[in-house]
Amino acid sequence: MSTDLTRAAVARLLDELGPGTCPDVVGAAVHQACEDLRGSPVGALPELVERLARVRLLPA
């Protein structure tokens, strides 16, 4: 996933999760989601990465 798409996912998640959310934590979740989804169809990666990171960041 390109750096621009990663930055966009981080920005959207930070906006969604609100103030007090640590950008480094969100960035790490997005990066790990990218790694975990490696091999998925390229066109689906932006949405899949953001969804997986969101699930990992939201409280259970």
N, C-alpha and C. Protein backbone atom coordinates (compact mmCIF):
# COMPACT_ATOMS: atom_id res chain seq x y z
N MET A 1 0.86 -1.17 0.00
CA MET A 1 0.00 0.00 0.00
C MET A 1 0.90 1.23 0.00
N SER A 2 0.55 2.21 -0.80
CA SER A 2 1.42 3.38 -0.92
C SER A 2 1.38 4.24 0.34
N THR A 3 2.39 5.04 0.48
CA THR A 3 2.50 5.93 1.64
C THR A 3 1.32 6.90 1.69
N ASP A 4 0.89 7.41 0.53
CA ASP A 4 -0.24 8.34 0.49
C ASP A 4 -1.51 7.68 1.01
N LEU A 5 -1.74 6.43 0.60
CA LEU A 5 -2.93 5.73 1.05
C LEU A 5 -2.84 5.41 2.53
N THR A 6 -1.65 5.09 3.01
CA THR A 6 -1.46 4.82 4.43
C THR A 6 -1.73 6.08 5.24
N ARG A 7 -1.19 7.20 4.79
CA ARG A 7 -1.42 8.47 5.48
C ARG A 7 -2.90 8.83 5.50
N ALA A 8 -3.57 8.57 4.38
CA ALA A 8 -5.01 8.88 4.30
C ALA A 8 -5.79 8.01 5.28
N ALA A 9 -5.45 6.75 5.39
CA ALA A 9 -6.13 5.85 6.33
C ALA A 9 -5.90 6.31 7.77
N VAL A 10 -4.67 6.69 8.08
CA VAL A 10 -4.36 7.18 9.43
C VAL A 10 -5.15 8.45 9.71
N ALA A 11 -5.20 9.36 8.76
CA ALA A 11 -5.92 10.62 8.95
C ALA A 11 -7.41 10.38 9.18
N ARG A 12 -8.01 9.49 8.39
CA ARG A 12 -9.44 9.20 8.56
C ARG A 12 -9.71 8.56 9.90
N LEU A 13 -8.86 7.64 10.32
CA LEU A 13 -9.06 6.98 11.61
C LEU A 13 -8.87 7.95 12.77
N LEU A 14 -7.88 8.82 12.67
CA LEU A 14 -7.68 9.82 13.73
C LEU A 14 -8.89 10.74 13.83
N ASP A 15 -9.43 11.14 12.70
CA ASP A 15 -10.62 11.99 12.70
C ASP A 15 -11.80 11.25 13.32
N GLU A 16 -11.95 9.99 12.96
CA GLU A 16 -13.07 9.18 13.47
C GLU A 16 -12.95 8.91 14.97
N LEU A 17 -11.74 8.61 15.42
CA LEU A 17 -11.54 8.23 16.82
C LEU A 17 -11.49 9.43 17.75
N GLY A 18 -11.24 10.60 17.21
CA GLY A 18 -11.34 11.83 17.98
C GLY A 18 -10.10 12.23 18.74
N PRO A 19 -10.24 13.36 19.45
CA PRO A 19 -9.12 13.92 20.21
C PRO A 19 -8.61 12.93 21.25
N GLY A 20 -7.35 13.02 21.51
CA GLY A 20 -6.75 12.13 22.50
C GLY A 20 -6.25 10.83 21.91
N THR A 21 -6.56 10.58 20.64
CA THR A 21 -6.08 9.37 19.99
C THR A 21 -4.64 9.59 19.56
N CYS A 22 -3.78 8.67 19.91
CA CYS A 22 -2.36 8.79 19.61
C CYS A 22 -2.08 8.46 18.14
N PRO A 23 -1.55 9.41 17.37
CA PRO A 23 -1.24 9.15 15.97
C PRO A 23 -0.27 7.98 15.78
N ASP A 24 0.68 7.81 16.72
CA ASP A 24 1.64 6.71 16.59
C ASP A 24 0.95 5.36 16.73
N VAL A 25 -0.03 5.27 17.61
CA VAL A 25 -0.76 4.01 17.80
C VAL A 25 -1.58 3.70 16.56
N VAL A 26 -2.24 4.72 16.01
CA VAL A 26 -3.03 4.52 14.79
C VAL A 26 -2.12 4.15 13.62
N GLY A 27 -1.00 4.83 13.51
CA GLY A 27 -0.05 4.50 12.44
C GLY A 27 0.46 3.08 12.55
N ALA A 28 0.74 2.64 13.76
CA ALA A 28 1.21 1.26 13.96
C ALA A 28 0.12 0.26 13.59
N ALA A 29 -1.13 0.56 13.94
CA ALA A 29 -2.24 -0.35 13.61
C ALA A 29 -2.42 -0.43 12.09
N VAL A 30 -2.31 0.70 11.41
CA VAL A 30 -2.43 0.71 9.95
C VAL A 30 -1.27 -0.05 9.33
N HIS A 31 -0.06 0.17 9.82
CA HIS A 31 1.10 -0.54 9.29
C HIS A 31 0.95 -2.06 9.48
N GLN A 32 0.52 -2.48 10.66
CA GLN A 32 0.35 -3.91 10.92
C GLN A 32 -0.75 -4.49 10.04
N ALA A 33 -1.82 -3.74 9.83
CA ALA A 33 -2.90 -4.21 8.95
C ALA A 33 -2.37 -4.40 7.53
N CYS A 34 -1.53 -3.47 7.07
CA CYS A 34 -0.91 -3.60 5.74
C CYS A 34 -0.10 -4.89 5.65
N GLU A 35 0.69 -5.14 6.67
CA GLU A 35 1.52 -6.34 6.69
C GLU A 35 0.65 -7.60 6.70
N ASP A 36 -0.39 -7.60 7.52
CA ASP A 36 -1.25 -8.78 7.65
C ASP A 36 -2.06 -9.05 6.38
N LEU A 37 -2.33 -8.01 5.62
CA LEU A 37 -3.14 -8.16 4.41
C LEU A 37 -2.31 -8.27 3.14
N ARG A 38 -1.02 -8.36 3.30
CA ARG A 38 -0.13 -8.51 2.14
C ARG A 38 -0.59 -9.73 1.33
N GLY A 39 -0.70 -9.55 0.04
CA GLY A 39 -1.14 -10.63 -0.83
C GLY A 39 -2.61 -10.52 -1.19
N SER A 40 -3.33 -9.59 -0.55
CA SER A 40 -4.73 -9.35 -0.90
C SER A 40 -4.77 -8.56 -2.20
N PRO A 41 -5.92 -8.56 -2.89
CA PRO A 41 -6.01 -7.79 -4.13
C PRO A 41 -5.69 -6.32 -3.89
N VAL A 42 -4.84 -5.78 -4.72
CA VAL A 42 -4.33 -4.41 -4.56
C VAL A 42 -5.46 -3.39 -4.50
N GLY A 43 -6.46 -3.55 -5.33
CA GLY A 43 -7.57 -2.60 -5.36
C GLY A 43 -8.38 -2.57 -4.09
N ALA A 44 -8.36 -3.66 -3.35
CA ALA A 44 -9.14 -3.75 -2.11
C ALA A 44 -8.36 -3.31 -0.88
N LEU A 45 -7.05 -3.18 -1.00
CA LEU A 45 -6.22 -2.89 0.16
C LEU A 45 -6.59 -1.63 0.94
N PRO A 46 -6.83 -0.50 0.31
CA PRO A 46 -7.14 0.68 1.11
C PRO A 46 -8.32 0.46 2.07
N GLU A 47 -9.38 -0.11 1.56
CA GLU A 47 -10.56 -0.35 2.42
C GLU A 47 -10.29 -1.43 3.46
N LEU A 48 -9.66 -2.52 3.04
CA LEU A 48 -9.39 -3.61 3.97
C LEU A 48 -8.47 -3.19 5.10
N VAL A 49 -7.43 -2.46 4.76
CA VAL A 49 -6.47 -2.00 5.77
C VAL A 49 -7.16 -1.10 6.78
N GLU A 50 -7.95 -0.15 6.29
CA GLU A 50 -8.63 0.77 7.20
C GLU A 50 -9.62 0.03 8.10
N ARG A 51 -10.35 -0.92 7.53
CA ARG A 51 -11.31 -1.68 8.34
C ARG A 51 -10.61 -2.52 9.41
N LEU A 52 -9.54 -3.20 9.04
CA LEU A 52 -8.82 -4.04 10.00
C LEU A 52 -8.20 -3.19 11.10
N ALA A 53 -7.60 -2.07 10.74
CA ALA A 53 -7.01 -1.18 11.75
C ALA A 53 -8.10 -0.66 12.68
N ARG A 54 -9.26 -0.29 12.13
CA ARG A 54 -10.36 0.22 12.95
C ARG A 54 -10.80 -0.82 13.97
N VAL A 55 -10.96 -2.05 13.54
CA VAL A 55 -11.39 -3.12 14.45
C VAL A 55 -10.37 -3.30 15.58
N ARG A 56 -9.11 -3.20 15.25
CA ARG A 56 -8.06 -3.37 16.26
C ARG A 56 -7.96 -2.19 17.23
N LEU A 57 -8.37 -1.02 16.76
CA LEU A 57 -8.25 0.18 17.59
C LEU A 57 -9.47 0.43 18.48
N LEU A 58 -10.64 -0.02 18.05
CA LEU A 58 -11.83 0.22 18.85
C LEU A 58 -11.89 -0.72 20.03
N PRO A 59 -12.40 -0.24 21.15
CA PRO A 59 -12.51 -1.11 22.33
C PRO A 59 -13.47 -2.27 22.04
N ALA A 60 -13.20 -3.39 22.66
CA ALA A 60 -14.02 -4.60 22.42
C ALA A 60 -15.42 -4.44 22.94
